Amino acid sequence: MKNRLLYCFVRFLLVTFIFTLAAALTVAFAACQCVHDYASEVTQEATCVNGGVITYTCRKCGDSYRVETSKTEHELVSKTEGGNKA
């Protein structure tokens, strides 16, 4: 009786493991099969002090990645005689 119970328990664990593994592989394989269609969004504007960030997100599966952009150039402003910016 003990051997039969042990056999059933081990079989249960093995079947559970196989189904869990199969489900995980199916999800992973489906994610790899996506022909991505990325949309871009500026998530942080670049300035002369800090670089910016553009986030790309796939419209189909939700995969995303970020790209950091470089700082912008300083904008030189000249002053007129009255101290007003031109």
Protein backbone atom coordinates (compact mmCIF):
# COMPACT_ATOMS: atom_id res chain seq x y z
CA MET A 1 0.00 0.00 0.00
CA LYS A 2 2.85 2.38 0.88
CA ASN A 3 4.56 1.74 -2.44
CA ARG A 4 1.34 2.38 -4.35
CA LEU A 5 0.77 5.67 -2.49
CA LEU A 6 4.35 6.77 -3.11
CA TYR A 7 4.05 5.85 -6.78
CA CYS A 8 0.85 7.91 -7.14
CA PHE A 9 2.39 10.88 -5.36
CA VAL A 10 5.54 10.85 -7.51
CA ARG A 11 3.44 10.46 -10.64
CA PHE A 12 1.31 13.42 -9.57
CA LEU A 13 4.40 15.58 -9.03
CA LEU A 14 5.87 14.56 -12.36
CA VAL A 15 2.68 15.29 -14.30
CA THR A 16 2.27 18.63 -12.52
CA PHE A 17 5.86 19.57 -13.35
CA ILE A 18 5.46 18.58 -17.01
CA PHE A 19 2.26 20.60 -17.43
CA THR A 20 3.76 23.62 -15.68
CA LEU A 21 6.86 23.43 -17.85
CA ALA A 22 4.76 23.06 -21.00
CA ALA A 23 2.66 26.11 -20.07
CA ALA A 24 5.75 28.20 -19.36
CA LEU A 25 7.38 27.20 -22.63
CA THR A 26 4.19 27.97 -24.54
CA VAL A 27 4.09 31.50 -23.11
CA ALA A 28 7.79 32.06 -23.77
CA PHE A 29 7.52 30.71 -27.31
CA ALA A 30 4.48 32.89 -28.06
CA ALA A 31 6.35 35.99 -26.89
CA CYS A 32 9.25 35.14 -29.19
CA GLN A 33 6.91 34.77 -32.16
CA CYS A 34 5.61 38.35 -32.04
CA VAL A 35 6.50 40.46 -35.06
CA HIS A 36 6.84 43.63 -33.02
CA ASP A 37 5.04 46.83 -33.98
CA TYR A 38 6.64 49.45 -31.73
CA ALA A 39 5.16 52.84 -30.93
CA SER A 40 7.48 55.49 -29.53
CA GLU A 41 6.78 57.94 -26.73
CA VAL A 42 9.05 60.65 -25.37
CA THR A 43 9.00 59.90 -21.66
CA GLN A 44 11.58 62.53 -20.72
CA GLU A 45 12.40 65.58 -22.81
CA ALA A 46 16.10 66.27 -23.39
CA THR A 47 17.47 69.58 -22.16
CA CYS A 48 20.88 71.21 -22.16
CA VAL A 49 21.32 69.88 -18.61
CA ASN A 50 19.90 66.33 -18.87
CA GLY A 51 19.48 63.81 -21.65
CA GLY A 52 16.05 62.53 -22.59
CA VAL A 53 14.37 59.14 -22.77
CA ILE A 54 12.26 57.62 -25.53
CA THR A 55 10.23 54.51 -24.66
CA TYR A 56 9.25 52.07 -27.42
CA THR A 57 6.32 49.72 -26.68
CA CYS A 58 5.01 46.93 -28.92
CA ARG A 59 1.34 47.44 -29.72
CA LYS A 60 0.82 43.65 -29.98
CA CYS A 61 2.55 42.07 -26.99
CA GLY A 62 3.53 44.97 -24.72
CA ASP A 63 7.30 44.37 -24.97
CA SER A 64 9.16 47.63 -24.38
CA TYR A 65 12.60 49.15 -24.26
CA ARG A 66 14.04 52.58 -23.50
CA VAL A 67 16.57 54.64 -25.42
CA GLU A 68 18.42 57.48 -23.77
CA THR A 69 19.00 60.53 -25.93
CA SER A 70 21.83 63.03 -25.60
CA LYS A 71 21.60 66.49 -24.11
CA THR A 72 20.57 69.34 -26.37
CA GLU A 73 22.89 72.21 -27.20
CA HIS A 74 22.85 75.34 -25.06
CA GLU A 75 20.65 78.05 -26.49
CA LEU A 76 22.57 81.31 -26.44
CA VAL A 77 20.47 84.37 -25.73
CA SER A 78 21.74 87.87 -26.36
CA LYS A 79 20.63 90.79 -24.23
CA THR A 80 19.67 94.20 -25.55
CA GLU A 81 20.66 97.38 -23.79
CA GLY A 82 17.58 97.40 -21.55
CA GLY A 83 18.32 93.93 -20.23
CA ASN A 84 15.55 92.35 -22.31
CA LYS A 85 16.20 89.03 -23.95
CA ALA A 86 16.13 89.10 -27.72
